[in-house]
Amino acid sequence: MATLPTFVDASHLISKANLWEERDEARKQKYEKLNNEVLPKVAHDKQAKIGCKGGSKFWYGYKKNM
């Protein structure tokens, strides 16, 4: 019996539309950049990450595999 290939689509789920409060808190704590290393230290949602699709579409949230 032949095995069929499986395709996975990873869609993004946006957690928050903008990150102004997190950016301000990162600046207050003297961090240079707001990235995935700094976000858990300053964000309300500790598990959400900054993601990128296609090199120009950025979001803050989660990836959902369908």
PDB file of N, CA and C in Angstrom:
ATOM      1  N   MET A   1       0.840  -1.179   0.000  1.00  0.00           N
ATOM      2  CA  MET A   1       0.000   0.000   0.000  1.00  0.00           C
ATOM      3  C   MET A   1       0.889   1.248   0.000  1.00  0.00           C
ATOM      4  N   ALA A   2       0.655   2.165  -0.905  1.00  0.00           N
ATOM      5  CA  ALA A   2       1.464   3.384  -1.025  1.00  0.00           C
ATOM      6  C   ALA A   2       1.039   4.407   0.022  1.00  0.00           C
ATOM      7  N   THR A   3       2.010   5.143   0.518  1.00  0.00           N
ATOM      8  CA  THR A   3       1.723   6.194   1.483  1.00  0.00           C
ATOM      9  C   THR A   3       1.534   7.505   0.754  1.00  0.00           C
ATOM     10  N   LEU A   4       0.496   8.228   1.098  1.00  0.00           N
ATOM     11  CA  LEU A   4       0.232   9.528   0.489  1.00  0.00           C
ATOM     12  C   LEU A   4       0.985  10.614   1.232  1.00  0.00           C
ATOM     13  N   PRO A   5       1.491  11.603   0.538  1.00  0.00           N
ATOM     14  CA  PRO A   5       2.188  12.700   1.227  1.00  0.00           C
ATOM     15  C   PRO A   5       1.207  13.536   2.044  1.00  0.00           C
ATOM     16  N   THR A   6       1.693  14.075   3.128  1.00  0.00           N
ATOM     17  CA  THR A   6       0.886  14.923   3.998  1.00  0.00           C
ATOM     18  C   THR A   6       1.403  16.353   3.884  1.00  0.00           C
ATOM     19  N   PHE A   7       0.510  17.291   3.683  1.00  0.00           N
ATOM     20  CA  PHE A   7       0.863  18.700   3.612  1.00  0.00           C
ATOM     21  C   PHE A   7       0.314  19.412   4.833  1.00  0.00           C
ATOM     22  N   VAL A   8       1.116  20.296   5.422  1.00  0.00           N
ATOM     23  CA  VAL A   8       0.702  21.047   6.601  1.00  0.00           C
ATOM     24  C   VAL A   8       0.732  22.519   6.258  1.00  0.00           C
ATOM     25  N   ASP A   9      -0.357  23.202   6.550  1.00  0.00           N
ATOM     26  CA  ASP A   9      -0.430  24.646   6.347  1.00  0.00           C
ATOM     27  C   ASP A   9      -0.349  25.312   7.707  1.00  0.00           C
ATOM     28  N   ALA A  10       0.608  26.190   7.896  1.00  0.00           N
ATOM     29  CA  ALA A  10       0.747  26.908   9.155  1.00  0.00           C
ATOM     30  C   ALA A  10       0.206  28.318   8.985  1.00  0.00           C
ATOM     31  N   SER A  11      -0.985  28.553   9.491  1.00  0.00           N
ATOM     32  CA  SER A  11      -1.593  29.876   9.447  1.00  0.00           C
ATOM     33  C   SER A  11      -1.219  30.622  10.714  1.00  0.00           C
ATOM     34  N   HIS A  12      -1.328  31.938  10.674  1.00  0.00           N
ATOM     35  CA  HIS A  12      -1.000  32.712  11.868  1.00  0.00           C
ATOM     36  C   HIS A  12      -2.273  33.174  12.569  1.00  0.00           C
ATOM     37  N   LEU A  13      -2.204  33.237  13.887  1.00  0.00           N
ATOM     38  CA  LEU A  13      -3.279  33.763  14.714  1.00  0.00           C
ATOM     39  C   LEU A  13      -2.744  35.003  15.408  1.00  0.00           C
ATOM     40  N   ILE A  14      -3.331  36.145  15.133  1.00  0.00           N
ATOM     41  CA  ILE A  14      -2.842  37.389  15.713  1.00  0.00           C
ATOM     42  C   ILE A  14      -3.329  37.509  17.145  1.00  0.00           C
ATOM     43  N   SER A  15      -2.396  37.768  18.053  1.00  0.00           N
ATOM     44  CA  SER A  15      -2.727  37.918  19.463  1.00  0.00           C
ATOM     45  C   SER A  15      -3.084  39.362  19.793  1.00  0.00           C
ATOM     46  N   LYS A  16      -2.415  40.293  19.159  1.00  0.00           N
ATOM     47  CA  LYS A  16      -2.620  41.704  19.459  1.00  0.00           C
ATOM     48  C   LYS A  16      -2.258  42.508  18.226  1.00  0.00           C
ATOM     49  N   ALA A  17      -3.040  43.518  17.909  1.00  0.00           N
ATOM     50  CA  ALA A  17      -2.826  44.280  16.676  1.00  0.00           C
ATOM     51  C   ALA A  17      -1.585  45.166  16.735  1.00  0.00           C
ATOM     52  N   ASN A  18      -1.292  45.756  17.888  1.00  0.00           N
ATOM     53  CA  ASN A  18      -0.075  46.568  17.986  1.00  0.00           C
ATOM     54  C   ASN A  18       0.621  46.293  19.308  1.00  0.00           C
ATOM     55  N   LEU A  19       1.884  46.633  19.370  1.00  0.00           N
ATOM     56  CA  LEU A  19       2.711  46.314  20.526  1.00  0.00           C
ATOM     57  C   LEU A  19       3.287  47.556  21.199  1.00  0.00           C
ATOM     58  N   TRP A  20       2.545  48.642  21.196  1.00  0.00           N
ATOM     59  CA  TRP A  20       3.075  49.904  21.735  1.00  0.00           C
ATOM     60  C   TRP A  20       3.402  49.794  23.219  1.00  0.00           C
ATOM     61  N   GLU A  21       2.530  49.195  24.007  1.00  0.00           N
ATOM     62  CA  GLU A  21       2.777  49.076  25.451  1.00  0.00           C
ATOM     63  C   GLU A  21       4.005  48.210  25.736  1.00  0.00           C
ATOM     64  N   GLU A  22       4.126  47.119  25.000  1.00  0.00           N
ATOM     65  CA  GLU A  22       5.286  46.241  25.178  1.00  0.00           C
ATOM     66  C   GLU A  22       6.569  46.946  24.759  1.00  0.00           C
ATOM     67  N   ARG A  23       6.501  47.701  23.654  1.00  0.00           N
ATOM     68  CA  ARG A  23       7.667  48.455  23.192  1.00  0.00           C
ATOM     69  C   ARG A  23       8.093  49.483  24.235  1.00  0.00           C
ATOM     70  N   ASP A  24       7.116  50.198  24.801  1.00  0.00           N
ATOM     71  CA  ASP A  24       7.433  51.199  25.822  1.00  0.00           C
ATOM     72  C   ASP A  24       8.036  50.558  27.066  1.00  0.00           C
ATOM     73  N   GLU A  25       7.522  49.397  27.472  1.00  0.00           N
ATOM     74  CA  GLU A  25       8.064  48.691  28.629  1.00  0.00           C
ATOM     75  C   GLU A  25       9.483  48.194  28.353  1.00  0.00           C
ATOM     76  N   ALA A  26       9.749  47.732  27.139  1.00  0.00           N
ATOM     77  CA  ALA A  26      11.100  47.287  26.776  1.00  0.00           C
ATOM     78  C   ALA A  26      12.073  48.463  26.823  1.00  0.00           C
ATOM     79  N   ARG A  27      11.642  49.616  26.336  1.00  0.00           N
ATOM     80  CA  ARG A  27      12.503  50.813  26.404  1.00  0.00           C
ATOM     81  C   ARG A  27      12.750  51.223  27.847  1.00  0.00           C
ATOM     82  N   LYS A  28      11.714  51.138  28.676  1.00  0.00           N
ATOM     83  CA  LYS A  28      11.833  51.505  30.092  1.00  0.00           C
ATOM     84  C   LYS A  28      12.842  50.597  30.803  1.00  0.00           C
ATOM     85  N   GLN A  29      12.884  49.323  30.397  1.00  0.00           N
ATOM     86  CA  GLN A  29      13.819  48.374  30.994  1.00  0.00           C
ATOM     87  C   GLN A  29      15.165  48.337  30.269  1.00  0.00           C
ATOM     88  N   LYS A  30      15.377  49.291  29.352  1.00  0.00           N
ATOM     89  CA  LYS A  30      16.654  49.494  28.653  1.00  0.00           C
ATOM     90  C   LYS A  30      17.022  48.389  27.661  1.00  0.00           C
ATOM     91  N   TYR A  31      16.032  47.723  27.073  1.00  0.00           N
ATOM     92  CA  TYR A  31      16.309  46.764  25.998  1.00  0.00           C
ATOM     93  C   TYR A  31      16.425  47.528  24.693  1.00  0.00           C
ATOM     94  N   GLU A  32      17.363  47.113  23.830  1.00  0.00           N
ATOM     95  CA  GLU A  32      17.570  47.790  22.549  1.00  0.00           C
ATOM     96  C   GLU A  32      16.476  47.472  21.538  1.00  0.00           C
ATOM     97  N   LYS A  33      16.039  46.209  21.480  1.00  0.00           N
ATOM     98  CA  LYS A  33      15.068  45.776  20.477  1.00  0.00           C
ATOM     99  C   LYS A  33      13.914  45.044  21.135  1.00  0.00           C
ATOM    100  N   LEU A  34      12.787  45.044  20.456  1.00  0.00           N
ATOM    101  CA  LEU A  34      11.643  44.233  20.872  1.00  0.00           C
ATOM    102  C   LEU A  34      11.625  43.013  19.957  1.00  0.00           C
ATOM    103  N   ASN A  35      12.091  41.876  20.467  1.00  0.00           N
ATOM    104  CA  ASN A  35      12.162  40.656  19.673  1.00  0.00           C
ATOM    105  C   ASN A  35      11.666  39.482  20.510  1.00  0.00           C
ATOM    106  N   ASN A  36      11.779  38.269  19.998  1.00  0.00           N
ATOM    107  CA  ASN A  36      11.254  37.096  20.692  1.00  0.00           C
ATOM    108  C   ASN A  36      12.009  36.757  21.968  1.00  0.00           C
ATOM    109  N   GLU A  37      13.193  37.285  22.159  1.00  0.00           N
ATOM    110  CA  GLU A  37      13.911  37.080  23.413  1.00  0.00           C
ATOM    111  C   GLU A  37      13.427  38.043  24.491  1.00  0.00           C
ATOM    112  N   VAL A  38      13.076  39.260  24.104  1.00  0.00           N
ATOM    113  CA  VAL A  38      12.662  40.296  25.045  1.00  0.00           C
ATOM    114  C   VAL A  38      11.160  40.213  25.357  1.00  0.00           C
ATOM    115  N   LEU A  39      10.352  39.825  24.385  1.00  0.00           N
ATOM    116  CA  LEU A  39       8.897  39.826  24.555  1.00  0.00           C
ATOM    117  C   LEU A  39       8.397  39.099  25.802  1.00  0.00           C
ATOM    118  N   PRO A  40       8.861  37.896  26.127  1.00  0.00           N
ATOM    119  CA  PRO A  40       8.347  37.238  27.334  1.00  0.00           C
ATOM    120  C   PRO A  40       8.626  38.021  28.620  1.00  0.00           C
ATOM    121  N   LYS A  41       9.604  38.893  28.593  1.00  0.00           N
ATOM    122  CA  LYS A  41       9.947  39.683  29.772  1.00  0.00           C
ATOM    123  C   LYS A  41       9.053  40.910  29.942  1.00  0.00           C
ATOM    124  N   VAL A  42       8.443  41.382  28.844  1.00  0.00           N
ATOM    125  CA  VAL A  42       7.671  42.630  28.904  1.00  0.00           C
ATOM    126  C   VAL A  42       6.211  42.486  28.478  1.00  0.00           C
ATOM    127  N   ALA A  43       5.831  41.392  27.828  1.00  0.00           N
ATOM    128  CA  ALA A  43       4.478  41.251  27.284  1.00  0.00           C
ATOM    129  C   ALA A  43       3.524  40.626  28.299  1.00  0.00           C
ATOM    130  N   HIS A  44       2.248  40.888  28.107  1.00  0.00           N
ATOM    131  CA  HIS A  44       1.222  40.273  28.946  1.00  0.00           C
ATOM    132  C   HIS A  44       1.038  38.808  28.573  1.00  0.00           C
ATOM    133  N   ASP A  45       1.099  38.504  27.281  1.00  0.00           N
ATOM    134  CA  ASP A  45       0.968  37.135  26.789  1.00  0.00           C
ATOM    135  C   ASP A  45       2.374  36.567  26.619  1.00  0.00           C
ATOM    136  N   LYS A  46       2.818  35.777  27.578  1.00  0.00           N
ATOM    137  CA  LYS A  46       4.208  35.296  27.618  1.00  0.00           C
ATOM    138  C   LYS A  46       4.529  34.255  26.556  1.00  0.00           C
ATOM    139  N   GLN A  47       3.520  33.590  25.979  1.00  0.00           N
ATOM    140  CA  GLN A  47       3.775  32.518  25.025  1.00  0.00           C
ATOM    141  C   GLN A  47       3.700  32.961  23.569  1.00  0.00           C
ATOM    142  N   ALA A  48       3.112  34.101  23.291  1.00  0.00           N
ATOM    143  CA  ALA A  48       3.006  34.589  21.906  1.00  0.00           C
ATOM    144  C   ALA A  48       4.377  35.049  21.418  1.00  0.00           C
ATOM    145  N   LYS A  49       4.603  34.925  20.132  1.00  0.00           N
ATOM    146  CA  LYS A  49       5.885  35.286  19.519  1.00  0.00           C
ATOM    147  C   LYS A  49       5.663  36.194  18.315  1.00  0.00           C
ATOM    148  N   ILE A  50       6.728  36.844  17.878  1.00  0.00           N
ATOM    149  CA  ILE A  50       6.692  37.610  16.635  1.00  0.00           C
ATOM    150  C   ILE A  50       6.992  36.625  15.518  1.00  0.00           C
ATOM    151  N   GLY A  51       6.131  36.587  14.520  1.00  0.00           N
ATOM    152  CA  GLY A  51       6.313  35.683  13.396  1.00  0.00           C
ATOM    153  C   GLY A  51       6.429  36.461  12.103  1.00  0.00           C
ATOM    154  N   CYS A  52       6.922  35.806  11.065  1.00  0.00           N
ATOM    155  CA  CYS A  52       7.097  36.431   9.763  1.00  0.00           C
ATOM    156  C   CYS A  52       6.769  35.420   8.684  1.00  0.00           C
ATOM    157  N   LYS A  53       6.059  35.869   7.676  1.00  0.00           N
ATOM    158  CA  LYS A  53       5.736  35.003   6.542  1.00  0.00           C
ATOM    159  C   LYS A  53       6.065  35.767   5.269  1.00  0.00           C
ATOM    160  N   GLY A  54       6.923  35.194   4.453  1.00  0.00           N
ATOM    161  CA  GLY A  54       7.273  35.820   3.184  1.00  0.00           C
ATOM    162  C   GLY A  54       8.254  36.966   3.294  1.00  0.00           C
ATOM    163  N   GLY A  55       8.865  37.165   4.425  1.00  0.00           N
ATOM    164  CA  GLY A  55       9.888  38.204   4.558  1.00  0.00           C
ATOM    165  C   GLY A  55       9.358  39.604   4.812  1.00  0.00           C
ATOM    166  N   SER A  56       8.042  39.820   4.696  1.00  0.00           N
ATOM    167  CA  SER A  56       7.533  41.176   4.903  1.00  0.00           C
ATOM    168  C   SER A  56       6.226  41.214   5.690  1.00  0.00           C
ATOM    169  N   LYS A  57       5.618  40.072   5.971  1.00  0.00           N
ATOM    170  CA  LYS A  57       4.360  40.044   6.710  1.00  0.00           C
ATOM    171  C   LYS A  57       4.642  39.570   8.137  1.00  0.00           C
ATOM    172  N   PHE A  58       4.710  40.517   9.069  1.00  0.00           N
ATOM    173  CA  PHE A  58       5.019  40.218  10.457  1.00  0.00           C
ATOM    174  C   PHE A  58       3.743  40.249  11.297  1.00  0.00           C
ATOM    175  N   TRP A  59       3.701  39.432  12.349  1.00  0.00           N
ATOM    176  CA  TRP A  59       2.583  39.462  13.285  1.00  0.00           C
ATOM    177  C   TRP A  59       3.070  39.026  14.651  1.00  0.00           C
ATOM    178  N   TYR A  60       2.274  39.332  15.666  1.00  0.00           N
ATOM    179  CA  TYR A  60       2.537  38.930  17.038  1.00  0.00           C
ATOM    180  C   TYR A  60       1.414  37.986  17.430  1.00  0.00           C
ATOM    181  N   GLY A  61       1.741  36.748  17.725  1.00  0.00           N
ATOM    182  CA  GLY A  61       0.710  35.773  18.075  1.00  0.00           C
ATOM    183  C   GLY A  61       1.242  34.360  18.032  1.00  0.00           C
ATOM    184  N   TYR A  62       0.482  33.491  17.374  1.00  0.00           N
ATOM    185  CA  TYR A  62       0.787  32.066  17.350  1.00  0.00           C
ATOM    186  C   TYR A  62       0.712  31.542  15.929  1.00  0.00           C
ATOM    187  N   LYS A  63       1.262  30.361  15.708  1.00  0.00           N
ATOM    188  CA  LYS A  63       1.097  29.643  14.453  1.00  0.00           C
ATOM    189  C   LYS A  63       0.115  28.506  14.698  1.00  0.00           C
ATOM    190  N   LYS A  64      -0.823  28.360  13.794  1.00  0.00           N
ATOM    191  CA  LYS A  64      -1.823  27.293  13.893  1.00  0.00           C
ATOM    192  C   LYS A  64      -1.577  26.342  12.734  1.00  0.00           C
ATOM    193  N   ASN A  65      -1.289  25.099  13.035  1.00  0.00           N
ATOM    194  CA  ASN A  65      -1.084  24.095  11.987  1.00  0.00           C
ATOM    195  C   ASN A  65      -2.413  23.440  11.659  1.00  0.00           C
ATOM    196  N   MET A  66      -2.745  23.444  10.366  1.00  0.00           N
ATOM    197  CA  MET A  66      -4.025  22.883   9.936  1.00  0.00           C
ATOM    198  C   MET A  66      -3.800  21.559   9.258  1.00  0.00           C
TER     199      MET A  66
END
